[in-house]
Amino acid sequence: MTFDIAIIGGGFAGLTAANHAALSGLKSVVFEAGGGEHYMCNSRVATGALHVAFRSPEDPADELYESIMAGTDGTAHPDITRSLAASAQATIDWMRDEGCDFIQHPRRSYGLPMMAPGREMRAGLDWENSGPNLFLKALAEKLAGRGGELRRGTRVAALEIDAGSVSGVRLESGEPVSARAVVIADGGFQADLDQIGQHITNAPDKIRQRNTQTGRGDGLRMAINVGAATVGLDKFYGHVLSRDALTSEKLWPYPQVDVICAKGIVVTPEGARFADEGQGGIYMANCIASLDDPLSATAVFDRTVWEDAKETDIVPPNPSLAENGGTVLQADALEDLAALAGIDSTGLVRTVEDFNGLIRAGSSPALDPARTTLTYPAHTIDKPPFYAIPLCAGITVTSGGLAVDGSARVLSKTGKPISGLYAAGSVVGGLEGGPRAGYVGGLIKAFGIGRIAGRTAAADMAV
C-alpha cells in the first residue's frame, strides 16, 4: 500500500487532517482501530461545544492567545498556541462550509457555538442524534468523495523510518504502508492505566474513565520510539463526578458536580480542605486524582448550593444525580452529616467554621488552601439541611502529549522537527495544563490542529 499521507485515528482530528490533505490533491488514508460504521471515539460522543479557553473561537486571535497563556499560567508553547488562535476563525468557517450547523451553548451566556443538534439534557451518555456524531459521519463521506480512504478495524503498530525521515507505518497485521507523511491523531492516553499511573495518579483504577476508553496512547508511544519529545503529561481534562459513577453507567459523563464543589467545600476523611475549589471542576478533578486515595474526597455544602444546582450545568445535578442513583447525604447538623459521610466530625466542624469566618470577613484568600473567588464566589455553609456527595475524578482526555512546532510538525528531543511526522488533536501537548490544569478545548484542538497538520503536510510535500 502506498499513499501520500497516512493518518492514525479516525476522530475529528484525523478526518480533518485527511480532508485537508485530500483537498490539496494528496492520496490520503485514515487508519482507525475501531470497527463498524459507528466505531467508538471521544469525537463521536462529544457534547459539541467549540471554545478556545472558554472564549468563542470567533473572538480576536490575539485575545484568544492571551486567554490560553493566562489559563495555563504561561506554560503553553507560544508557537502552536499562536497558530491555533490565529486559525480559530478559519476553522469555524471551514466547518460551516463542510455542513456543520451551530447553535448557542445552552448554559453559557457568552456566545459559545455548539454543534447542532445538541444533546438531550439528561444524565448518562447520549450521542446518536447529536451534532458531533452526524458531522463525524459527514467528514468520512466527504473524504471518500475526495478520493481518500477510511480503513476501519485497522490498528497501526509502528512508524517506519528511512534515512531519518518517517516513511510510513507498519500495521498490527505486519503489513507495511508507504507514505510520504504521517499524522498521529489517535487521541490521548487516558485509557491506558499504565501510562495514567506513571504520569497522573498512583491509583488509576480509582479514576472514572469519562470517555470511550479508546485513547490508549498508541500514537504517543510510536512517536516516542522514534525520538519525539513530550510535554505536560501530568494533567488531564475531566470533571468531578459522583463516586457512584464508578459502578453506574447512568452517572457519566453527566451529571457532573463541578459547580457544587466550587460553591461548597471538598474535604478529606479528616474533614480538611486540600485544594482551591474556586478554580473549578477541571482543576478539582486533577487534585482529587492526585490524592493518595482518589476515592477519599467528599463535597460538603448547604441548602443554598443544592437549590442553586437546579440551574447549573448542561445536566443540573439537582435532581438528576439522586434520580439516577447517586448518593446525596443529608442532615440538619454538620456533626450528623459527618457521621453519615464517614468524615471526622471535629475536623469538619472546625473547617466549616474557619471557612465561614473568613468568608464573612472578606478574607477567603487567607484560607489554607487559599480560596479564589474570581469565577466562583465563596458562600458560607450555614443554611441547613447540609449535604454531602462522595466524589471521584472523571478523566475525559489527557492534556499533555507530543511537542509540536507552530505548524503541527512533531519535534524531536533536540527541538528539531522529525521529517514527515505531524500530530493533531489530543495527542498534541503544549497547549493545556500548567499548575491549574488550564483547558483550551478538545474540539478546537481536534479541528484546528487537524486543519493545520493537513495543510502543513501538503505544503511540505509541494516544496
Protein backbone atom coordinates (compact mmCIF):
# COMPACT_ATOMS: atom_id res chain seq x y z
CA MET A 1 0.00 0.00 0.00
CA THR A 2 1.36 3.39 -0.98
CA PHE A 3 -0.14 6.76 -0.11
CA ASP A 4 0.94 10.37 0.05
CA ILE A 5 -0.24 10.71 3.64
CA ALA A 6 -1.33 8.22 6.32
CA ILE A 7 -3.36 9.38 9.30
CA ILE A 8 -3.57 7.36 12.50
CA GLY A 9 -7.01 7.81 14.11
CA GLY A 10 -10.47 8.41 12.68
CA GLY A 11 -11.77 11.03 15.08
CA PHE A 12 -12.28 14.70 14.28
CA ALA A 13 -8.56 15.48 14.24
CA GLY A 14 -7.69 12.64 11.88
CA LEU A 15 -10.58 13.17 9.48
CA THR A 16 -9.99 16.92 9.42
CA ALA A 17 -6.31 16.43 8.56
CA ALA A 18 -7.21 13.83 5.93
CA ASN A 19 -9.81 16.02 4.27
CA HIS A 20 -7.46 19.00 4.08
CA ALA A 21 -4.74 16.80 2.61
CA ALA A 22 -7.22 15.40 0.07
CA LEU A 23 -8.36 18.90 -0.83
CA SER A 24 -4.72 19.59 -1.71
CA GLY A 25 -4.70 16.63 -4.07
CA LEU A 26 -2.92 14.13 -1.83
CA LYS A 27 -3.78 10.44 -1.78
CA SER A 28 -4.92 10.07 1.83
CA VAL A 29 -5.73 7.11 4.07
CA VAL A 30 -7.02 7.08 7.64
CA PHE A 31 -6.37 4.00 9.78
CA GLU A 32 -8.97 3.64 12.54
CA ALA A 33 -8.59 0.86 15.08
CA GLY A 34 -12.31 0.71 15.81
CA GLY A 35 -14.55 -1.35 13.59
CA GLY A 36 -18.02 -0.81 12.21
CA GLU A 37 -19.84 2.27 11.00
CA HIS A 38 -20.19 3.71 14.50
CA TYR A 39 -16.70 2.95 15.81
CA MET A 40 -16.32 4.50 19.23
CA CYS A 41 -14.11 7.52 19.84
CA ASN A 42 -14.35 10.61 22.01
CA SER A 43 -15.27 12.72 18.97
CA ARG A 44 -18.47 10.75 18.37
CA VAL A 45 -19.80 11.21 21.91
CA ALA A 46 -18.58 14.80 22.47
CA THR A 47 -21.03 17.40 23.72
CA GLY A 48 -20.11 19.64 20.80
CA ALA A 49 -19.10 22.94 22.40
CA LEU A 50 -16.44 24.88 20.46
CA HIS A 51 -14.32 27.23 22.54
CA VAL A 52 -10.77 28.44 22.98
CA ALA A 53 -10.01 28.59 26.70
CA PHE A 54 -13.76 29.16 27.24
CA ARG A 55 -13.94 32.00 24.74
CA SER A 56 -15.65 31.99 21.37
CA PRO A 57 -13.33 30.82 18.56
CA GLU A 58 -14.56 33.87 16.65
CA ASP A 59 -13.03 36.31 19.14
CA PRO A 60 -9.91 38.25 18.03
CA ALA A 61 -6.88 35.98 17.66
CA ASP A 62 -4.63 37.98 19.98
CA GLU A 63 -7.24 37.79 22.75
CA LEU A 64 -7.55 34.02 22.28
CA TYR A 65 -3.78 33.69 22.51
CA GLU A 66 -3.66 35.68 25.74
CA SER A 67 -6.51 33.61 27.21
CA ILE A 68 -4.65 30.36 26.54
CA MET A 69 -1.44 31.71 28.03
CA ALA A 70 -3.28 33.03 31.09
CA GLY A 71 -5.23 29.81 31.63
CA THR A 72 -2.05 27.74 31.53
CA ASP A 73 -0.05 30.24 33.61
CA GLY A 74 2.33 30.77 30.72
CA THR A 75 3.22 27.09 30.26
CA ALA A 76 1.61 26.75 26.81
CA HIS A 77 4.11 26.68 23.96
CA PRO A 78 3.85 30.02 22.15
CA ASP A 79 4.26 28.71 18.57
CA ILE A 80 1.37 26.23 18.48
CA THR A 81 -0.71 28.47 20.75
CA ARG A 82 -0.40 31.40 18.36
CA SER A 83 -1.13 29.19 15.34
CA LEU A 84 -4.26 27.73 16.91
CA ALA A 85 -5.54 31.16 17.95
CA ALA A 86 -4.81 32.66 14.54
CA SER A 87 -6.65 29.88 12.71
CA ALA A 88 -9.68 29.55 15.01
CA GLN A 89 -11.97 31.71 12.85
CA ALA A 90 -10.90 29.93 9.66
CA THR A 91 -11.51 26.60 11.38
CA ILE A 92 -15.10 27.52 12.26
CA ASP A 93 -15.66 28.87 8.75
CA TRP A 94 -14.40 25.61 7.24
CA MET A 95 -16.69 23.58 9.49
CA ARG A 96 -19.66 25.64 8.32
CA ASP A 97 -18.60 25.15 4.71
CA GLU A 98 -18.47 21.41 5.31
CA GLY A 99 -22.07 21.47 6.53
CA CYS A 100 -21.69 21.69 10.30
CA ASP A 101 -24.54 23.62 11.92
CA PHE A 102 -24.18 25.53 15.18
CA ILE A 103 -26.43 26.65 17.98
CA GLN A 104 -25.53 28.71 21.03
CA HIS A 105 -24.40 26.73 24.06
CA PRO A 106 -27.48 26.42 26.32
CA ARG A 107 -25.60 27.00 29.58
CA ARG A 108 -23.05 29.60 28.54
CA SER A 109 -24.03 33.24 28.34
CA TYR A 110 -21.04 34.38 26.32
CA GLY A 111 -21.83 33.04 22.87
CA LEU A 112 -20.03 29.73 22.54
CA PRO A 113 -21.02 27.86 19.37
CA MET A 114 -22.24 24.30 19.87
CA MET A 115 -22.54 21.68 17.14
CA ALA A 116 -26.16 21.06 16.23
CA PRO A 117 -28.31 19.27 17.00
CA GLY A 118 -27.38 19.48 20.68
CA ARG A 119 -27.51 16.60 23.12
CA GLU A 120 -30.59 15.96 25.20
CA MET A 121 -30.49 17.47 28.67
CA ARG A 122 -30.41 14.19 30.58
CA ALA A 123 -27.97 12.14 32.61
CA GLY A 124 -25.84 9.43 31.07
CA LEU A 125 -24.26 9.05 27.64
CA ASP A 126 -26.21 10.43 24.68
CA TRP A 127 -24.75 10.70 21.19
CA GLU A 128 -26.79 9.00 18.45
CA ASN A 129 -28.67 12.09 17.24
CA SER A 130 -26.09 14.69 18.25
CA GLY A 131 -24.23 17.12 16.03
CA PRO A 132 -20.78 15.58 16.67
CA ASN A 133 -21.86 12.09 15.60
CA LEU A 134 -23.55 13.39 12.46
CA PHE A 135 -20.59 15.58 11.49
CA LEU A 136 -18.09 12.77 12.08
CA LYS A 137 -20.04 10.63 9.62
CA ALA A 138 -20.22 13.54 7.17
CA LEU A 139 -16.44 14.04 7.26
CA ALA A 140 -15.90 10.35 6.47
CA GLU A 141 -18.26 10.61 3.50
CA LYS A 142 -16.54 13.77 2.24
CA LEU A 143 -13.15 12.10 2.50
CA ALA A 144 -14.37 9.25 0.33
CA GLY A 145 -15.77 11.74 -2.17
CA ARG A 146 -12.36 13.39 -2.37
CA GLY A 147 -10.61 10.12 -3.16
CA GLY A 148 -9.41 9.36 0.37
CA GLU A 149 -9.91 6.17 2.33
CA LEU A 150 -11.06 5.39 5.87
CA ARG A 151 -9.97 1.89 6.85
CA ARG A 152 -11.85 0.81 9.96
CA GLY A 153 -10.70 -2.04 12.16
CA THR A 154 -7.06 -1.39 11.25
CA ARG A 155 -4.59 -0.73 14.06
CA VAL A 156 -1.17 0.79 13.40
CA ALA A 157 1.68 -0.81 15.33
CA ALA A 158 4.72 1.31 14.49
CA LEU A 159 6.19 4.13 12.44
CA GLU A 160 8.59 3.29 9.65
CA ILE A 161 11.80 5.33 9.35
CA ASP A 162 14.04 5.69 6.32
CA ALA A 163 17.19 7.84 6.41
CA GLY A 164 15.92 9.76 9.43
CA SER A 165 12.52 10.55 7.94
CA VAL A 166 9.16 8.92 8.62
CA SER A 167 8.36 6.87 5.52
CA GLY A 168 5.11 5.18 6.51
CA VAL A 169 3.64 2.86 9.10
CA ARG A 170 3.50 -0.80 9.90
CA LEU A 171 0.10 -2.26 10.66
CA GLU A 172 -0.62 -4.62 13.52
CA SER A 173 -1.02 -7.35 10.90
CA GLY A 174 2.62 -6.78 9.95
CA GLU A 175 1.81 -5.19 6.61
CA PRO A 176 3.93 -2.16 5.71
CA VAL A 177 2.33 1.02 4.35
CA SER A 178 4.43 3.56 2.49
CA ALA A 179 3.58 7.24 2.97
CA ARG A 180 5.45 10.47 2.46
CA ALA A 181 3.88 11.88 5.62
CA VAL A 182 2.18 10.50 8.73
CA VAL A 183 -0.20 12.36 11.04
CA ILE A 184 -0.70 10.94 14.53
CA ALA A 185 -4.26 11.77 15.60
CA ASP A 186 -5.39 8.87 17.79
CA GLY A 187 -6.12 10.91 20.92
CA GLY A 188 -4.70 10.93 24.43
CA PHE A 189 -3.56 8.12 26.70
CA GLN A 190 -6.37 8.38 29.24
CA ALA A 191 -7.50 4.75 28.88
CA ASP A 192 -4.02 3.26 29.33
CA LEU A 193 -3.82 2.59 33.06
CA ASP A 194 -0.06 2.05 32.98
CA GLN A 195 0.60 5.49 31.50
CA ILE A 196 -2.02 7.12 33.72
CA GLY A 197 -0.32 5.51 36.71
CA GLN A 198 3.07 6.75 35.54
CA HIS A 199 2.09 10.36 34.91
CA ILE A 200 -1.19 11.32 36.63
CA THR A 201 -2.29 9.21 39.62
CA ASN A 202 -0.95 6.43 41.80
CA ALA A 203 -4.34 4.72 41.72
CA PRO A 204 -5.53 4.65 38.07
CA ASP A 205 -8.20 2.05 38.87
CA LYS A 206 -9.88 4.62 41.14
CA ILE A 207 -10.42 7.16 38.36
CA ARG A 208 -13.65 7.07 36.34
CA GLN A 209 -12.99 6.77 32.62
CA ARG A 210 -15.25 9.57 31.37
CA ASN A 211 -14.58 8.63 27.76
CA THR A 212 -14.96 5.80 25.25
CA GLN A 213 -11.80 4.05 26.52
CA THR A 214 -10.23 4.07 23.06
CA GLY A 215 -7.43 6.54 23.82
CA ARG A 216 -4.61 4.17 24.74
CA GLY A 217 -1.64 6.27 23.74
CA ASP A 218 -0.56 4.11 20.80
CA GLY A 219 0.49 7.08 18.68
CA LEU A 220 2.29 8.70 21.59
CA ARG A 221 4.37 5.55 22.15
CA MET A 222 5.15 5.20 18.44
CA ALA A 223 6.42 8.76 18.26
CA ILE A 224 8.48 8.43 21.44
CA ASN A 225 10.08 5.31 19.95
CA VAL A 226 11.40 7.40 17.04
CA GLY A 227 12.74 10.16 19.28
CA ALA A 228 9.79 12.53 19.73
CA ALA A 229 9.68 14.93 22.66
CA THR A 230 6.72 15.12 25.03
CA VAL A 231 5.33 17.89 27.20
CA GLY A 232 2.89 18.25 30.11
CA LEU A 233 1.87 14.62 30.63
CA ASP A 234 0.77 15.15 34.24
CA LYS A 235 -2.58 16.90 33.67
CA PHE A 236 -5.92 15.96 32.16
CA TYR A 237 -9.26 17.41 31.16
CA GLY A 238 -12.14 15.94 33.14
CA HIS A 239 -14.84 16.71 35.67
CA VAL A 240 -15.81 15.82 39.20
CA LEU A 241 -18.41 13.06 39.35
CA SER A 242 -20.40 11.20 41.95
CA ARG A 243 -18.38 8.28 43.30
CA ASP A 244 -21.28 6.08 42.24
CA ALA A 245 -20.29 6.77 38.62
CA LEU A 246 -17.61 4.10 39.08
CA THR A 247 -20.32 1.45 39.08
CA SER A 248 -23.27 3.12 37.34
CA GLU A 249 -23.48 3.80 33.61
CA LYS A 250 -26.23 6.34 34.32
CA LEU A 251 -23.91 8.76 36.11
CA TRP A 252 -21.32 9.56 33.46
CA PRO A 253 -20.46 11.71 31.62
CA TYR A 254 -23.30 13.63 33.27
CA PRO A 255 -24.32 14.88 35.75
CA GLN A 256 -21.06 16.41 36.86
CA VAL A 257 -20.79 18.11 40.24
CA ASP A 258 -18.17 20.74 39.43
CA VAL A 259 -20.24 23.75 40.42
CA ILE A 260 -21.38 22.14 43.66
CA CYS A 261 -17.71 21.67 44.58
CA ALA A 262 -16.89 25.22 43.51
CA LYS A 263 -19.62 26.73 45.67
CA GLY A 264 -19.12 24.46 48.67
CA ILE A 265 -16.01 22.75 50.03
CA VAL A 266 -14.28 19.47 49.25
CA VAL A 267 -12.74 17.62 52.18
CA THR A 268 -10.76 14.52 53.10
CA PRO A 269 -11.97 11.93 55.69
CA GLU A 270 -10.26 14.13 58.30
CA GLY A 271 -12.63 16.95 57.39
CA ALA A 272 -9.84 19.10 55.91
CA ARG A 273 -9.87 21.02 52.63
CA PHE A 274 -6.97 20.18 50.32
CA ALA A 275 -7.42 22.37 47.23
CA ASP A 276 -8.81 25.68 45.98
CA GLU A 277 -12.38 24.83 44.99
CA GLY A 278 -12.78 28.20 43.31
CA GLN A 279 -10.50 27.12 40.44
CA GLY A 280 -13.34 24.98 39.06
CA GLY A 281 -14.06 21.38 38.25
CA ILE A 282 -11.19 20.57 35.88
CA TYR A 283 -8.67 21.68 38.48
CA MET A 284 -10.52 19.85 41.27
CA ALA A 285 -10.69 16.63 39.25
CA ASN A 286 -6.90 16.76 38.88
CA CYS A 287 -6.47 17.46 42.60
CA ILE A 288 -8.72 14.55 43.55
CA ALA A 289 -6.84 12.22 41.19
CA SER A 290 -3.54 13.22 42.83
CA LEU A 291 -4.67 12.23 46.35
CA ASP A 292 -3.11 9.12 47.87
CA ASP A 293 -6.63 7.71 47.74
CA PRO A 294 -8.62 9.36 44.93
CA LEU A 295 -11.82 7.96 46.46
CA SER A 296 -11.41 9.83 49.73
CA ALA A 297 -12.85 13.23 48.73
CA THR A 298 -16.33 14.45 49.64
CA ALA A 299 -18.21 17.62 48.70
CA VAL A 300 -19.92 19.36 51.62
CA PHE A 301 -22.44 22.16 51.08
CA ASP A 302 -25.74 23.58 52.29
CA ARG A 303 -29.28 24.16 51.09
CA THR A 304 -28.36 27.31 49.15
CA VAL A 305 -25.87 25.45 46.95
CA TRP A 306 -28.19 22.47 46.46
CA GLU A 307 -31.04 24.70 45.31
CA ASP A 308 -28.68 26.53 43.00
CA ALA A 309 -27.70 23.16 41.49
CA LYS A 310 -31.13 23.01 39.85
CA GLU A 311 -29.92 25.62 37.36
CA THR A 312 -26.25 24.77 36.82
CA ASP A 313 -24.53 22.90 34.03
CA ILE A 314 -25.94 21.14 30.98
CA VAL A 315 -27.50 18.44 33.17
CA PRO A 316 -28.27 20.05 36.56
CA PRO A 317 -27.21 17.65 39.34
CA ASN A 318 -30.32 18.52 41.34
CA PRO A 319 -32.39 16.38 40.88
CA SER A 320 -30.71 14.23 38.19
CA LEU A 321 -27.96 12.91 40.46
CA ALA A 322 -30.30 11.40 43.03
CA GLU A 323 -32.83 10.35 40.39
CA ASN A 324 -30.15 8.25 38.69
CA GLY A 325 -28.93 6.53 41.83
CA GLY A 326 -26.20 8.87 43.02
CA THR A 327 -25.61 9.25 46.74
CA VAL A 328 -26.68 12.57 48.25
CA LEU A 329 -26.40 12.52 52.05
CA GLN A 330 -28.45 14.99 54.11
CA ALA A 331 -28.61 16.08 57.76
CA ASP A 332 -29.71 19.08 59.77
CA ALA A 333 -26.43 19.28 61.68
CA LEU A 334 -22.85 19.08 60.44
CA GLU A 335 -21.99 16.52 63.12
CA ASP A 336 -24.70 14.19 61.88
CA LEU A 337 -23.68 14.73 58.27
CA ALA A 338 -20.09 13.85 59.16
CA ALA A 339 -21.23 10.57 60.69
CA LEU A 340 -23.21 9.67 57.57
CA ALA A 341 -20.31 10.52 55.26
CA GLY A 342 -17.54 8.87 57.28
CA ILE A 343 -15.84 12.21 57.95
CA ASP A 344 -14.22 13.20 61.24
CA SER A 345 -16.84 15.35 62.95
CA THR A 346 -14.46 17.63 64.83
CA GLY A 347 -12.36 18.26 61.76
CA LEU A 348 -15.35 19.03 59.52
CA VAL A 349 -16.97 21.43 62.02
CA ARG A 350 -13.67 23.27 62.51
CA THR A 351 -13.10 23.52 58.74
CA VAL A 352 -16.60 24.90 58.12
CA GLU A 353 -16.29 27.39 60.98
CA ASP A 354 -12.95 28.66 59.70
CA PHE A 355 -14.29 28.78 56.15
CA ASN A 356 -17.41 30.72 57.13
CA GLY A 357 -15.49 33.12 59.36
CA LEU A 358 -13.00 34.14 56.72
CA ILE A 359 -15.67 34.49 54.05
CA ARG A 360 -17.71 36.76 56.31
CA ALA A 361 -14.58 38.79 56.96
CA GLY A 362 -13.93 39.02 53.23
CA SER A 363 -10.59 37.27 53.55
CA SER A 364 -11.14 33.97 51.78
CA PRO A 365 -7.67 34.08 50.14
CA ALA A 366 -6.28 33.79 53.69
CA LEU A 367 -7.69 30.28 53.92
CA ASP A 368 -5.26 27.37 53.70
CA PRO A 369 -5.53 26.28 50.95
CA ALA A 370 -6.49 29.68 49.55
CA ARG A 371 -9.97 30.09 48.10
CA THR A 372 -10.15 32.22 44.95
CA THR A 373 -13.43 33.93 44.10
CA LEU A 374 -12.94 35.39 40.62
CA THR A 375 -15.03 32.76 38.82
CA TYR A 376 -16.99 31.18 41.67
CA PRO A 377 -17.87 33.39 44.65
CA ALA A 378 -17.38 31.70 48.00
CA HIS A 379 -20.54 31.19 50.07
CA THR A 380 -20.89 30.45 53.75
CA ILE A 381 -22.09 26.95 54.61
CA ASP A 382 -24.74 27.79 57.20
CA LYS A 383 -28.23 27.05 55.89
CA PRO A 384 -29.47 23.58 56.84
CA PRO A 385 -30.06 20.98 55.74
CA PHE A 386 -26.44 20.22 54.97
CA TYR A 387 -25.43 17.84 52.20
CA ALA A 388 -22.51 15.61 51.27
CA ILE A 389 -21.70 13.84 48.00
CA PRO A 390 -18.89 11.24 47.84
CA LEU A 391 -16.74 12.11 44.82
CA CYS A 392 -14.47 10.65 42.19
CA ALA A 393 -12.41 12.21 39.41
CA GLY A 394 -13.67 11.63 35.89
CA ILE A 395 -10.98 11.72 33.20
CA THR A 396 -12.10 12.60 29.68
CA VAL A 397 -8.78 13.07 27.92
CA THR A 398 -5.18 13.74 28.83
CA SER A 399 -3.86 17.28 28.31
CA GLY A 400 -0.22 16.65 27.51
CA GLY A 401 1.37 14.81 24.63
CA LEU A 402 3.75 15.30 21.75
CA ALA A 403 5.70 18.52 21.39
CA VAL A 404 4.99 20.20 18.05
CA ASP A 405 6.01 23.40 16.33
CA GLY A 406 3.54 26.04 15.17
CA SER A 407 2.80 24.03 12.04
CA ALA A 408 1.97 20.77 13.87
CA ARG A 409 5.27 19.11 12.98
CA VAL A 410 6.35 16.70 15.73
CA LEU A 411 9.57 17.78 17.42
CA SER A 412 12.45 15.57 18.47
CA LYS A 413 14.13 15.81 21.86
CA THR A 414 16.64 18.18 20.24
CA GLY A 415 13.82 20.56 19.33
CA LYS A 416 14.02 19.89 15.58
CA PRO A 417 11.05 18.62 13.52
CA ILE A 418 11.03 14.91 12.74
CA SER A 419 10.78 14.85 8.96
CA GLY A 420 7.45 13.56 7.71
CA LEU A 421 5.77 13.35 11.12
CA TYR A 422 2.84 15.52 12.25
CA ALA A 423 0.32 15.39 15.08
CA ALA A 424 -3.19 16.70 15.66
CA GLY A 425 -5.85 16.69 18.35
CA SER A 426 -5.49 15.38 21.88
CA VAL A 427 -2.13 13.70 21.25
CA VAL A 428 -0.64 17.20 20.98
CA GLY A 429 0.91 18.67 24.10
CA GLY A 430 1.98 22.21 24.90
CA LEU A 431 -1.47 23.81 24.74
CA GLU A 432 -3.08 22.76 28.00
CA GLY A 433 -2.07 22.07 31.58
CA GLY A 434 0.08 24.11 33.91
CA PRO A 435 -0.40 24.37 37.67
CA ARG A 436 -4.16 24.95 37.37
CA ALA A 437 -4.78 22.36 34.61
CA GLY A 438 -5.76 25.03 32.10
CA TYR A 439 -8.09 23.76 29.40
CA VAL A 440 -8.09 25.05 25.83
CA GLY A 441 -10.89 22.95 24.34
CA GLY A 442 -10.75 19.44 22.94
CA LEU A 443 -12.77 20.10 19.80
CA ILE A 444 -10.82 23.17 18.79
CA LYS A 445 -7.62 21.15 19.27
CA ALA A 446 -9.09 18.47 17.02
CA PHE A 447 -10.45 20.64 14.22
CA GLY A 448 -7.93 23.47 14.50
CA ILE A 449 -4.74 21.44 14.68
CA GLY A 450 -6.14 18.82 12.29
CA ARG A 451 -6.55 21.60 9.76
CA ILE A 452 -3.03 22.89 10.43
CA ALA A 453 -1.47 19.42 10.17
CA GLY A 454 -3.21 18.50 6.91
CA ARG A 455 -2.35 21.80 5.26
CA THR A 456 1.24 21.76 6.52
CA ALA A 457 1.87 18.22 5.30
CA ALA A 458 0.56 19.15 1.85
CA ALA A 459 2.69 22.30 1.73
CA ASP A 460 5.82 20.45 2.85
CA MET A 461 5.35 17.87 0.09
CA ALA A 462 4.95 20.60 -2.50
CA VAL A 463 8.39 22.04 -1.74
